[in-house]
Amino acid sequence: MSEQYEYVPHRLLRRRVRDIASGAEGELMAVINENVSNTGIEHWMEEAYIRGASGREFTTAVDNVEAAR
């Protein structure tokens, strides 16, 4: 698997967001275009890294991120 990734700009960086898949909220720390494949064929996906209230970060698909109310 390739260990390549790149940071992607996002309008909600450093803002409070909600993961619509889980309902969890936190601060959007980064959006990274990452090779998530565990086979020889690369599969790239934009993942959002969100820091929750506990201080731990979790990931979700960038399409699942919306501004928190």
N, C-alpha and C. Protein backbone atom coordinates (compact mmCIF):
# COMPACT_ATOMS: atom_id res chain seq x y z
N MET A 1 0.83 -1.18 0.00
CA MET A 1 0.00 0.00 0.00
C MET A 1 0.88 1.24 0.00
N SER A 2 0.51 2.20 -0.79
CA SER A 2 1.23 3.46 -0.83
C SER A 2 0.90 4.28 0.40
N GLU A 3 1.88 4.95 0.96
CA GLU A 3 1.68 5.78 2.14
C GLU A 3 1.51 7.24 1.76
N GLN A 4 1.01 7.50 0.57
CA GLN A 4 0.89 8.86 0.10
C GLN A 4 -0.41 9.50 0.59
N TYR A 5 -0.31 10.79 0.83
CA TYR A 5 -1.48 11.57 1.20
C TYR A 5 -1.21 13.03 0.90
N GLU A 6 -2.26 13.83 0.86
CA GLU A 6 -2.10 15.26 0.68
C GLU A 6 -3.20 15.99 1.42
N TYR A 7 -2.85 17.14 2.00
CA TYR A 7 -3.82 17.96 2.69
C TYR A 7 -4.68 18.69 1.67
N VAL A 8 -5.98 18.82 1.98
CA VAL A 8 -6.93 19.46 1.09
C VAL A 8 -7.56 20.64 1.83
N PRO A 9 -7.64 21.82 1.19
CA PRO A 9 -8.30 22.95 1.86
C PRO A 9 -9.80 22.68 2.02
N HIS A 10 -10.39 23.21 3.07
CA HIS A 10 -11.82 23.03 3.31
C HIS A 10 -12.35 24.27 4.02
N ARG A 11 -13.54 24.71 3.67
CA ARG A 11 -14.09 25.95 4.21
C ARG A 11 -14.41 25.86 5.70
N LEU A 12 -14.52 24.66 6.26
CA LEU A 12 -14.87 24.50 7.67
C LEU A 12 -13.67 24.16 8.57
N LEU A 13 -12.46 24.24 8.05
CA LEU A 13 -11.28 23.95 8.88
C LEU A 13 -11.27 24.84 10.11
N ARG A 14 -10.94 24.24 11.25
CA ARG A 14 -10.85 24.93 12.55
C ARG A 14 -12.19 25.46 13.04
N ARG A 15 -13.29 24.92 12.51
CA ARG A 15 -14.63 25.29 12.94
C ARG A 15 -15.32 24.09 13.54
N ARG A 16 -16.36 24.36 14.31
CA ARG A 16 -17.14 23.28 14.92
C ARG A 16 -18.00 22.62 13.84
N VAL A 17 -17.89 21.31 13.74
CA VAL A 17 -18.62 20.55 12.72
C VAL A 17 -19.33 19.36 13.35
N ARG A 18 -20.20 18.75 12.56
CA ARG A 18 -20.93 17.56 12.97
C ARG A 18 -20.74 16.49 11.90
N ASP A 19 -20.48 15.26 12.36
CA ASP A 19 -20.41 14.10 11.47
C ASP A 19 -21.82 13.56 11.33
N ILE A 20 -22.43 13.70 10.16
CA ILE A 20 -23.83 13.30 10.01
C ILE A 20 -24.00 11.78 10.12
N ALA A 21 -22.95 11.01 9.90
CA ALA A 21 -23.04 9.55 10.01
C ALA A 21 -23.19 9.10 11.46
N SER A 22 -22.47 9.74 12.37
CA SER A 22 -22.49 9.31 13.77
C SER A 22 -23.19 10.30 14.70
N GLY A 23 -23.36 11.55 14.25
CA GLY A 23 -23.94 12.58 15.09
C GLY A 23 -22.92 13.24 16.00
N ALA A 24 -21.68 12.79 15.98
CA ALA A 24 -20.64 13.34 16.85
C ALA A 24 -20.22 14.72 16.34
N GLU A 25 -19.86 15.59 17.29
CA GLU A 25 -19.42 16.93 16.96
C GLU A 25 -18.00 17.18 17.44
N GLY A 26 -17.34 18.13 16.81
CA GLY A 26 -15.99 18.51 17.20
C GLY A 26 -15.44 19.55 16.26
N GLU A 27 -14.13 19.79 16.34
CA GLU A 27 -13.46 20.77 15.51
C GLU A 27 -12.79 20.07 14.33
N LEU A 28 -13.04 20.56 13.13
CA LEU A 28 -12.42 19.98 11.94
C LEU A 28 -10.95 20.38 11.91
N MET A 29 -10.07 19.41 12.06
CA MET A 29 -8.64 19.66 12.15
C MET A 29 -7.94 19.58 10.80
N ALA A 30 -8.40 18.67 9.93
CA ALA A 30 -7.75 18.51 8.63
C ALA A 30 -8.65 17.71 7.71
N VAL A 31 -8.45 17.92 6.41
CA VAL A 31 -9.03 17.07 5.39
C VAL A 31 -7.86 16.55 4.57
N ILE A 32 -7.79 15.24 4.44
CA ILE A 32 -6.65 14.62 3.78
C ILE A 32 -7.13 13.68 2.69
N ASN A 33 -6.55 13.82 1.50
CA ASN A 33 -6.78 12.88 0.41
C ASN A 33 -5.80 11.74 0.63
N GLU A 34 -6.33 10.58 0.95
CA GLU A 34 -5.50 9.48 1.44
C GLU A 34 -5.77 8.19 0.68
N ASN A 35 -4.72 7.44 0.44
CA ASN A 35 -4.85 6.12 -0.17
C ASN A 35 -5.29 5.15 0.92
N VAL A 36 -6.54 4.67 0.84
CA VAL A 36 -7.09 3.81 1.89
C VAL A 36 -7.11 2.34 1.49
N SER A 37 -6.47 2.00 0.40
CA SER A 37 -6.46 0.63 -0.09
C SER A 37 -5.49 -0.24 0.71
N ASN A 38 -5.85 -1.49 0.89
CA ASN A 38 -4.92 -2.45 1.48
C ASN A 38 -4.55 -3.53 0.45
N THR A 39 -4.80 -3.21 -0.81
CA THR A 39 -4.41 -4.10 -1.91
C THR A 39 -3.40 -3.36 -2.79
N GLY A 40 -3.01 -3.95 -3.87
CA GLY A 40 -2.07 -3.31 -4.78
C GLY A 40 -2.68 -2.21 -5.62
N ILE A 41 -4.00 -2.15 -5.65
CA ILE A 41 -4.69 -1.12 -6.43
C ILE A 41 -5.02 0.05 -5.52
N GLU A 42 -4.54 1.23 -5.89
CA GLU A 42 -4.77 2.41 -5.05
C GLU A 42 -6.24 2.82 -5.06
N HIS A 43 -6.74 3.24 -3.90
CA HIS A 43 -8.09 3.78 -3.76
C HIS A 43 -7.98 5.02 -2.89
N TRP A 44 -8.20 6.19 -3.49
CA TRP A 44 -8.03 7.46 -2.80
C TRP A 44 -9.38 7.96 -2.30
N MET A 45 -9.36 8.55 -1.10
CA MET A 45 -10.58 9.04 -0.48
C MET A 45 -10.24 10.28 0.35
N GLU A 46 -11.12 11.26 0.31
CA GLU A 46 -10.93 12.43 1.17
C GLU A 46 -11.54 12.14 2.53
N GLU A 47 -10.70 12.16 3.55
CA GLU A 47 -11.14 11.89 4.91
C GLU A 47 -11.01 13.16 5.76
N ALA A 48 -12.02 13.37 6.60
CA ALA A 48 -12.01 14.50 7.52
C ALA A 48 -11.56 14.01 8.89
N TYR A 49 -10.66 14.75 9.51
CA TYR A 49 -10.17 14.46 10.85
C TYR A 49 -10.81 15.47 11.80
N ILE A 50 -11.62 14.96 12.73
CA ILE A 50 -12.38 15.81 13.65
C ILE A 50 -11.92 15.51 15.07
N ARG A 51 -11.63 16.57 15.83
CA ARG A 51 -11.24 16.42 17.24
C ARG A 51 -12.48 16.62 18.09
N GLY A 52 -12.89 15.57 18.78
CA GLY A 52 -14.07 15.60 19.63
C GLY A 52 -13.80 16.28 20.97
N ALA A 53 -14.83 16.37 21.80
CA ALA A 53 -14.74 17.03 23.10
C ALA A 53 -13.71 16.37 24.01
N SER A 54 -13.48 15.07 23.83
CA SER A 54 -12.52 14.34 24.67
C SER A 54 -11.07 14.66 24.29
N GLY A 55 -10.88 15.32 23.13
CA GLY A 55 -9.53 15.60 22.64
C GLY A 55 -9.03 14.55 21.66
N ARG A 56 -9.76 13.45 21.54
CA ARG A 56 -9.37 12.41 20.58
C ARG A 56 -9.95 12.72 19.22
N GLU A 57 -9.19 12.41 18.19
CA GLU A 57 -9.65 12.65 16.83
C GLU A 57 -10.25 11.39 16.24
N PHE A 58 -11.23 11.60 15.38
CA PHE A 58 -11.83 10.50 14.63
C PHE A 58 -11.96 10.94 13.18
N THR A 59 -12.13 9.97 12.31
CA THR A 59 -12.23 10.28 10.88
C THR A 59 -13.61 9.93 10.36
N THR A 60 -13.96 10.60 9.29
CA THR A 60 -15.19 10.31 8.57
C THR A 60 -14.99 10.78 7.13
N ALA A 61 -15.84 10.34 6.25
CA ALA A 61 -15.78 10.83 4.86
C ALA A 61 -16.09 12.32 4.87
N VAL A 62 -15.38 13.08 4.07
CA VAL A 62 -15.57 14.53 4.04
C VAL A 62 -17.00 14.91 3.66
N ASP A 63 -17.67 14.06 2.92
CA ASP A 63 -19.07 14.33 2.53
C ASP A 63 -20.02 14.24 3.73
N ASN A 64 -19.58 13.65 4.83
CA ASN A 64 -20.41 13.53 6.04
C ASN A 64 -20.26 14.72 6.98
N VAL A 65 -19.46 15.71 6.61
CA VAL A 65 -19.18 16.84 7.50
C VAL A 65 -20.09 18.02 7.17
N GLU A 66 -20.72 18.57 8.22
CA GLU A 66 -21.51 19.78 8.07
C GLU A 66 -21.23 20.70 9.25
N ALA A 67 -21.49 21.98 9.08
CA ALA A 67 -21.30 22.94 10.17
C ALA A 67 -22.24 22.58 11.31
N ALA A 68 -21.72 22.64 12.54
CA ALA A 68 -22.55 22.38 13.72
C ALA A 68 -23.42 23.60 13.99
N ARG A 69 -24.58 23.35 14.53
CA ARG A 69 -25.51 24.46 14.83
C ARG A 69 -25.28 25.00 16.19
